[in-house]
Amino acid sequence: MRAVSACPEEEEEEEGEGEGEGEGEGEGEGEGEEKKKKKKKKKKKKKKKKKKKKKKKKKKRRRRRRRREEEEEEEEEEEEEEEEEEEEEEEEEEEEEEEEGEGEGGEGEGEGEGEEEEEEEEEEEEEEEEEEEEEEEEEEEEEEEEEEEEEEEEEEEEEEEEEEEEEEEEEEEEEEEEEEEEEEEEEEEEEEEEEEEEEEEEEEEEEEEEEEEEEEEEEEEEEEEEEDRERLSVEALT
């Protein structure tokens, strides 16, 4: 009778323990899912930031190219205008010289020949000066072009270095994420192992309790049998 009355209390305790285990498992799973969701959100944010950076860099490159092209076009237009102005000036000078020659008409031939020689020498000197100026301008232009090319190369190198750094950062982030995932998996495995061990211990304790209850019941039965024998023997004697 005692064993029967103890059973409901034990059943209630077992039910309470089961409910506690269920609640603990549910809370642990919920926390794990929340952590995973937060990590996914962080990854998405990082990817968006990287995409924005790349877009900005592309825009900067396009702007630089457009500026260079516009500057080159402006330089070409200025050079063409200068050439046209020089040609116009030369044509005006030639026309003036022709008019002066016609106006002077028939002044001495000796004087005319001397003046022509002087004019030819002056023209040659002017042509040489113009050629020298043109050569200097060409050299300056070449130097400017070289400087621009060097600047472009430096910019490209800087951009390449930035891209390499970004790639390295991405690789490091990926490695860190992988390590975190591995650690999480290890923790989950450890938790599962601990839970299994706890379950095994609980099962062993339950088995021990059942064995103890059986032993107690057997002892009670033996005591009752002995009491019955004694009672019967007493009745037989009386």
Protein backbone atom coordinates (compact mmCIF):
# COMPACT_ATOMS: atom_id res chain seq x y z
CA MET A 1 0.00 0.00 0.00
CA ARG A 2 2.84 2.39 0.80
CA ALA A 3 4.44 1.77 -2.64
CA VAL A 4 1.17 2.46 -4.41
CA SER A 5 0.66 5.79 -2.59
CA ALA A 6 4.26 6.92 -3.44
CA CYS A 7 3.85 6.34 -7.18
CA PRO A 8 1.62 9.36 -7.98
CA GLU A 9 4.11 11.73 -6.29
CA GLU A 10 6.97 10.27 -8.32
CA GLU A 11 4.92 10.55 -11.49
CA GLU A 12 4.28 14.24 -10.74
CA GLU A 13 8.00 14.82 -10.17
CA GLU A 14 8.86 13.06 -13.45
CA GLU A 15 6.28 15.14 -15.30
CA GLY A 16 7.73 18.36 -13.81
CA GLU A 17 11.23 17.32 -14.81
CA GLY A 18 10.05 16.54 -18.35
CA GLU A 19 8.33 19.90 -18.67
CA GLY A 20 11.49 21.71 -17.45
CA GLU A 21 13.64 19.85 -19.96
CA GLY A 22 11.22 20.70 -22.78
CA GLU A 23 11.20 24.38 -21.88
CA GLY A 24 15.01 24.50 -21.63
CA GLU A 25 15.44 22.83 -25.02
CA GLY A 26 12.92 25.20 -26.61
CA GLU A 27 14.66 28.27 -25.21
CA GLY A 28 18.09 27.05 -26.35
CA GLU A 29 16.86 26.38 -29.89
CA GLY A 30 15.16 29.82 -30.03
CA GLU A 31 18.35 31.61 -28.95
CA GLY A 32 20.39 29.70 -31.54
CA GLU A 33 18.00 30.69 -34.33
CA GLU A 34 18.11 34.35 -33.26
CA LYS A 35 21.93 34.33 -33.37
CA LYS A 36 21.87 32.85 -36.87
CA LYS A 37 19.38 35.47 -38.06
CA LYS A 38 21.51 38.29 -36.64
CA LYS A 39 24.61 36.94 -38.38
CA LYS A 40 22.76 36.70 -41.69
CA LYS A 41 21.64 40.32 -41.35
CA LYS A 42 25.23 41.41 -40.62
CA LYS A 43 26.46 39.56 -43.70
CA LYS A 44 23.84 41.23 -45.89
CA LYS A 45 24.77 44.67 -44.55
CA LYS A 46 28.46 44.06 -45.25
CA LYS A 47 27.72 42.95 -48.80
CA LYS A 48 25.60 46.04 -49.42
CA LYS A 49 28.36 48.32 -48.14
CA LYS A 50 30.91 46.63 -50.41
CA LYS A 51 28.64 47.02 -53.43
CA LYS A 52 28.15 50.72 -52.67
CA LYS A 53 31.92 51.25 -52.40
CA LYS A 54 32.50 49.55 -55.75
CA LYS A 55 29.82 51.67 -57.41
CA LYS A 56 31.35 54.86 -56.02
CA LYS A 57 34.78 53.89 -57.33
CA LYS A 58 33.39 53.18 -60.78
CA LYS A 59 31.69 56.59 -60.84
CA LYS A 60 34.93 58.30 -59.83
CA ARG A 61 36.82 56.54 -62.60
CA ARG A 62 34.23 57.54 -65.19
CA ARG A 63 34.34 61.15 -64.02
CA ARG A 64 38.11 61.21 -64.25
CA ARG A 65 38.03 59.80 -67.76
CA ARG A 66 35.44 62.33 -68.84
CA ARG A 67 37.51 65.18 -67.41
CA ARG A 68 40.60 63.98 -69.23
CA GLU A 69 38.72 63.65 -72.49
CA GLU A 70 37.22 67.14 -72.09
CA GLU A 71 40.62 68.63 -71.28
CA GLU A 72 42.17 66.96 -74.32
CA GLU A 73 39.38 68.24 -76.55
CA GLU A 74 39.83 71.78 -75.20
CA GLU A 75 43.57 71.65 -75.81
CA GLU A 76 43.06 70.47 -79.39
CA GLU A 77 40.56 73.24 -80.04
CA GLU A 78 42.93 75.87 -78.63
CA GLU A 79 45.78 74.58 -80.79
CA GLU A 80 43.59 74.69 -83.89
CA GLU A 81 42.54 78.26 -83.11
CA GLU A 82 46.14 79.33 -82.62
CA GLU A 83 47.15 77.77 -85.93
CA GLU A 84 44.31 79.53 -87.72
CA GLU A 85 45.30 82.87 -86.18
CA GLU A 86 48.92 82.39 -87.23
CA GLU A 87 47.88 81.56 -90.80
CA GLU A 88 45.67 84.65 -90.94
CA GLU A 89 48.52 86.84 -89.66
CA GLU A 90 50.90 85.42 -92.25
CA GLU A 91 48.39 86.04 -95.06
CA GLU A 92 47.90 89.65 -93.88
CA GLU A 93 51.65 90.23 -93.80
CA GLU A 94 52.05 88.86 -97.31
CA GLU A 95 49.26 91.07 -98.62
CA GLU A 96 50.84 94.15 -96.99
CA GLU A 97 54.23 93.32 -98.50
CA GLU A 98 52.70 92.93 -101.94
CA GLU A 99 50.91 96.28 -101.65
CA GLU A 100 54.12 98.02 -100.56
CA GLY A 101 56.03 96.51 -103.48
CA GLU A 102 53.42 97.66 -105.97
CA GLY A 103 53.36 101.22 -104.43
CA GLU A 104 57.10 101.70 -104.60
CA GLY A 105 57.01 100.63 -108.24
CA GLY A 106 60.19 101.46 -110.02
CA GLU A 107 62.68 102.69 -107.44
CA GLY A 108 66.31 101.69 -108.07
CA GLU A 109 66.98 98.10 -108.92
CA GLY A 110 70.07 97.98 -106.67
CA GLU A 111 68.15 99.22 -103.71
CA GLY A 112 65.34 96.76 -104.44
CA GLU A 113 67.69 93.80 -104.55
CA GLY A 114 69.28 94.79 -101.21
CA GLU A 115 65.90 95.14 -99.58
CA GLU A 116 64.79 91.77 -100.90
CA GLU A 117 67.87 90.11 -99.46
CA GLU A 118 67.23 91.73 -96.08
CA GLU A 119 63.59 90.68 -96.17
CA GLU A 120 64.57 87.14 -97.05
CA GLU A 121 67.02 87.04 -94.15
CA GLU A 122 64.38 88.41 -91.79
CA GLU A 123 61.88 85.85 -93.02
CA GLU A 124 64.38 83.04 -92.51
CA GLU A 125 65.12 84.25 -89.00
CA GLU A 126 61.40 84.44 -88.23
CA GLU A 127 60.88 80.94 -89.59
CA GLU A 128 63.74 79.62 -87.46
CA GLU A 129 62.30 81.33 -84.39
CA GLU A 130 58.88 79.90 -85.14
CA GLU A 131 60.36 76.44 -85.58
CA GLU A 132 62.19 76.74 -82.27
CA GLU A 133 59.00 77.88 -80.55
CA GLU A 134 57.09 75.02 -82.07
CA GLU A 135 59.74 72.55 -80.92
CA GLU A 136 59.61 73.98 -77.41
CA GLU A 137 55.84 73.76 -77.38
CA GLU A 138 55.98 70.17 -78.59
CA GLU A 139 58.48 69.31 -75.86
CA GLU A 140 56.27 70.94 -73.24
CA GLU A 141 53.26 69.05 -74.53
CA GLU A 142 55.18 65.79 -74.44
CA GLU A 143 56.27 66.49 -70.88
CA GLU A 144 52.69 67.25 -69.88
CA GLU A 145 51.47 64.07 -71.52
CA GLU A 146 54.13 62.07 -69.72
CA GLU A 147 53.14 63.63 -66.41
CA GLU A 148 49.48 62.86 -67.08
CA GLU A 149 50.34 59.28 -67.97
CA GLU A 150 52.36 58.93 -64.78
CA GLU A 151 49.48 60.33 -62.74
CA GLU A 152 47.08 57.93 -64.42
CA GLU A 153 49.39 55.01 -63.71
CA GLU A 154 49.69 56.06 -60.07
CA GLU A 155 45.91 56.34 -59.78
CA GLU A 156 45.48 52.92 -61.34
CA GLU A 157 48.06 51.44 -58.97
CA GLU A 158 46.28 53.00 -56.01
CA GLU A 159 42.96 51.62 -57.19
CA GLU A 160 44.48 48.18 -57.64
CA GLU A 161 45.97 48.33 -54.15
CA GLU A 162 42.59 49.34 -52.73
CA GLU A 163 40.90 46.47 -54.54
CA GLU A 164 43.53 44.04 -53.25
CA GLU A 165 43.03 45.32 -49.71
CA GLU A 166 39.27 44.92 -50.05
CA GLU A 167 39.69 41.38 -51.34
CA GLU A 168 42.00 40.55 -48.43
CA GLU A 169 39.47 42.00 -45.99
CA GLU A 170 36.70 39.96 -47.59
CA GLU A 171 38.81 36.80 -47.33
CA GLU A 172 39.58 37.53 -43.67
CA GLU A 173 35.89 38.12 -42.95
CA GLU A 174 34.96 34.88 -44.67
CA GLU A 175 37.59 33.01 -42.68
CA GLU A 176 36.30 34.54 -39.45
CA GLU A 177 32.75 33.60 -40.35
CA GLU A 178 33.82 30.05 -41.12
CA GLU A 179 35.66 29.83 -37.79
CA GLU A 180 32.59 31.16 -35.98
CA GLU A 181 30.38 28.62 -37.71
CA GLU A 182 32.79 25.82 -36.81
CA GLU A 183 32.84 26.97 -33.19
CA GLU A 184 29.04 27.08 -33.14
CA GLU A 185 28.86 23.58 -34.57
CA GLU A 186 31.34 22.35 -31.96
CA GLU A 187 29.32 24.01 -29.20
CA GLU A 188 26.12 22.47 -30.51
CA GLU A 189 27.78 19.04 -30.63
CA GLU A 190 29.05 19.48 -27.08
CA GLU A 191 25.57 20.52 -25.92
CA GLU A 192 24.04 17.51 -27.63
CA GLU A 193 26.60 15.22 -26.00
CA GLU A 194 25.89 16.78 -22.59
CA GLU A 195 22.16 16.37 -23.12
CA GLU A 196 22.65 12.73 -24.09
CA GLU A 197 24.81 12.14 -21.00
CA GLU A 198 22.17 13.82 -18.81
CA GLU A 199 19.46 11.66 -20.35
CA GLU A 200 21.52 8.53 -19.78
CA GLU A 201 22.14 9.54 -16.14
CA GLU A 202 18.43 10.22 -15.67
CA GLU A 203 17.56 6.84 -17.15
CA GLU A 204 20.07 5.14 -14.88
CA GLU A 205 18.64 6.97 -11.85
CA GLU A 206 15.12 5.96 -12.87
CA GLU A 207 16.21 2.34 -13.25
CA GLU A 208 17.89 2.44 -9.82
CA GLU A 209 14.74 3.96 -8.29
CA GLU A 210 12.61 1.27 -9.93
CA GLU A 211 14.94 -1.44 -8.62
CA GLU A 212 14.80 0.07 -5.13
CA GLU A 213 11.00 0.20 -5.30
CA GLU A 214 10.87 -3.44 -6.41
CA GLU A 215 13.18 -4.44 -3.57
CA GLU A 216 11.02 -2.52 -1.09
CA GLU A 217 7.91 -4.20 -2.44
CA GLU A 218 9.55 -7.63 -2.17
CA GLU A 219 10.61 -6.90 1.41
CA GLU A 220 7.08 -5.75 2.26
CA GLU A 221 5.64 -8.90 0.68
CA GLU A 222 8.09 -11.08 2.64
CA GLU A 223 7.19 -9.29 5.87
CA GLU A 224 3.47 -9.75 5.17
CA GLU A 225 4.06 -13.46 4.42
CA GLU A 226 5.97 -13.89 7.69
CA GLU A 227 3.22 -12.09 9.59
CA ASP A 228 0.62 -14.38 7.97
CA ARG A 229 2.64 -17.49 8.91
CA GLU A 230 3.03 -16.35 12.49
CA ARG A 231 -0.67 -15.58 12.70
CA LEU A 232 -1.58 -18.97 11.25
CA SER A 233 0.78 -20.80 13.59
CA VAL A 234 -0.69 -18.95 16.57
CA GLU A 235 -4.21 -19.81 15.44
CA ALA A 236 -3.21 -23.43 14.95
CA LEU A 237 -1.83 -23.63 18.50
CA THR A 238 -4.96 -22.05 19.97
